[in-house]
Amino acid sequence: MLLQIKDSGELVKILEIEELLDPNTDVVRGQDQEGQEEQEPDTFKKENLVFPSGEGLPRCWLDADYRTANS
């Protein structure tokens, strides 16, 4: 799955989808998609990632208490 870094607009290939879906995990492992060579895996804060369309990640992927927290 490809996501985008909010500030730079760079694409990131997410390596472990389970990390992305787990609201108890603040970071995910991924690879920058820049240049022709494959980049080394790195960690990215989920709060800094969005879908390539610019839409934010679902709250249930970011907040384990999303059902009980005030809107």
C-alpha atoms as a PDB file:
ATOM      1  CA  MET A   1       0.000   0.000   0.000  1.00  0.00           C
ATOM      2  CA  LEU A   2       1.266   3.459  -0.865  1.00  0.00           C
ATOM      3  CA  LEU A   3       0.755   6.425   1.446  1.00  0.00           C
ATOM      4  CA  GLN A   4       2.030   9.977   1.232  1.00  0.00           C
ATOM      5  CA  ILE A   5       4.043  12.046   3.725  1.00  0.00           C
ATOM      6  CA  LYS A   6       1.930  15.121   4.582  1.00  0.00           C
ATOM      7  CA  ASP A   7       4.652  17.763   4.466  1.00  0.00           C
ATOM      8  CA  SER A   8       6.785  16.615   1.550  1.00  0.00           C
ATOM      9  CA  GLY A   9       4.287  14.774  -0.645  1.00  0.00           C
ATOM     10  CA  GLU A  10       6.728  11.860  -1.020  1.00  0.00           C
ATOM     11  CA  LEU A  11       5.218   8.408  -1.460  1.00  0.00           C
ATOM     12  CA  VAL A  12       5.933   5.641   1.041  1.00  0.00           C
ATOM     13  CA  LYS A  13       5.350   1.937   0.455  1.00  0.00           C
ATOM     14  CA  ILE A  14       4.000   0.418   3.680  1.00  0.00           C
ATOM     15  CA  LEU A  15       5.708  -2.911   4.411  1.00  0.00           C
ATOM     16  CA  GLU A  16       3.440  -4.283   7.154  1.00  0.00           C
ATOM     17  CA  ILE A  17      -0.248  -3.476   6.714  1.00  0.00           C
ATOM     18  CA  GLU A  18      -0.962  -4.904  10.193  1.00  0.00           C
ATOM     19  CA  GLU A  19       1.156  -2.132  11.750  1.00  0.00           C
ATOM     20  CA  LEU A  20      -0.854   0.459   9.844  1.00  0.00           C
ATOM     21  CA  LEU A  21      -4.202  -0.969  10.974  1.00  0.00           C
ATOM     22  CA  ASP A  22      -3.154  -1.391  14.643  1.00  0.00           C
ATOM     23  CA  PRO A  23      -4.259   1.722  16.586  1.00  0.00           C
ATOM     24  CA  ASN A  24      -1.811   0.850  19.387  1.00  0.00           C
ATOM     25  CA  THR A  25       1.168   1.367  17.065  1.00  0.00           C
ATOM     26  CA  ASP A  26       2.328   4.940  16.398  1.00  0.00           C
ATOM     27  CA  VAL A  27       4.854   4.121  13.676  1.00  0.00           C
ATOM     28  CA  VAL A  28       4.945   1.900  10.600  1.00  0.00           C
ATOM     29  CA  ARG A  29       7.806   0.478   8.592  1.00  0.00           C
ATOM     30  CA  GLY A  30       7.988   1.561   4.994  1.00  0.00           C
ATOM     31  CA  GLN A  31      10.211   2.490   2.063  1.00  0.00           C
ATOM     32  CA  ASP A  32      10.475   5.875   0.384  1.00  0.00           C
ATOM     33  CA  GLN A  33       9.528   5.630  -3.275  1.00  0.00           C
ATOM     34  CA  GLU A  34      12.052   8.095  -4.635  1.00  0.00           C
ATOM     35  CA  GLY A  35      14.426   7.443  -7.480  1.00  0.00           C
ATOM     36  CA  GLN A  36      14.837   4.236  -9.414  1.00  0.00           C
ATOM     37  CA  GLU A  37      16.686   2.303  -6.737  1.00  0.00           C
ATOM     38  CA  GLU A  38      14.802   0.620  -3.906  1.00  0.00           C
ATOM     39  CA  GLN A  39      15.324   2.513  -0.659  1.00  0.00           C
ATOM     40  CA  GLU A  40      16.179   1.002   2.719  1.00  0.00           C
ATOM     41  CA  PRO A  41      13.221   0.422   5.067  1.00  0.00           C
ATOM     42  CA  ASP A  42      12.593   3.205   7.564  1.00  0.00           C
ATOM     43  CA  THR A  43       9.975   4.038  10.194  1.00  0.00           C
ATOM     44  CA  PHE A  44       7.303   6.681   9.723  1.00  0.00           C
ATOM     45  CA  LYS A  45       4.899   8.204  12.247  1.00  0.00           C
ATOM     46  CA  LYS A  46       1.325   7.412  11.262  1.00  0.00           C
ATOM     47  CA  GLU A  47       0.243  10.943  12.173  1.00  0.00           C
ATOM     48  CA  ASN A  48       2.465  12.243   9.334  1.00  0.00           C
ATOM     49  CA  LEU A  49       0.911  10.007   6.665  1.00  0.00           C
ATOM     50  CA  VAL A  50      -2.121  10.479   4.423  1.00  0.00           C
ATOM     51  CA  PHE A  51      -3.581   8.683   1.429  1.00  0.00           C
ATOM     52  CA  PRO A  52      -2.186   9.852  -1.945  1.00  0.00           C
ATOM     53  CA  SER A  53      -5.507  11.667  -2.481  1.00  0.00           C
ATOM     54  CA  GLY A  54      -4.677  13.840   0.545  1.00  0.00           C
ATOM     55  CA  GLU A  55      -7.348  12.234   2.724  1.00  0.00           C
ATOM     56  CA  GLY A  56      -6.283  11.495   6.298  1.00  0.00           C
ATOM     57  CA  LEU A  57      -6.013   8.002   7.740  1.00  0.00           C
ATOM     58  CA  PRO A  58      -9.115   6.600   9.465  1.00  0.00           C
ATOM     59  CA  ARG A  59      -9.311   7.483  13.144  1.00  0.00           C
ATOM     60  CA  CYS A  60      -9.664   3.799  14.077  1.00  0.00           C
ATOM     61  CA  TRP A  61      -6.117   3.229  12.701  1.00  0.00           C
ATOM     62  CA  LEU A  62      -4.691   5.990  14.905  1.00  0.00           C
ATOM     63  CA  ASP A  63      -6.674   5.979  18.157  1.00  0.00           C
ATOM     64  CA  ALA A  64      -7.338   2.781  20.133  1.00  0.00           C
ATOM     65  CA  ASP A  65     -10.061   4.603  22.115  1.00  0.00           C
ATOM     66  CA  TYR A  66     -11.807   6.101  19.083  1.00  0.00           C
ATOM     67  CA  ARG A  67     -15.172   4.679  20.161  1.00  0.00           C
ATOM     68  CA  THR A  68     -15.112   6.183  23.641  1.00  0.00           C
ATOM     69  CA  ALA A  69     -13.235   9.420  22.992  1.00  0.00           C
ATOM     70  CA  ASN A  70     -15.180  12.627  22.470  1.00  0.00           C
ATOM     71  CA  SER A  71     -15.548  13.638  18.841  1.00  0.00           C
END
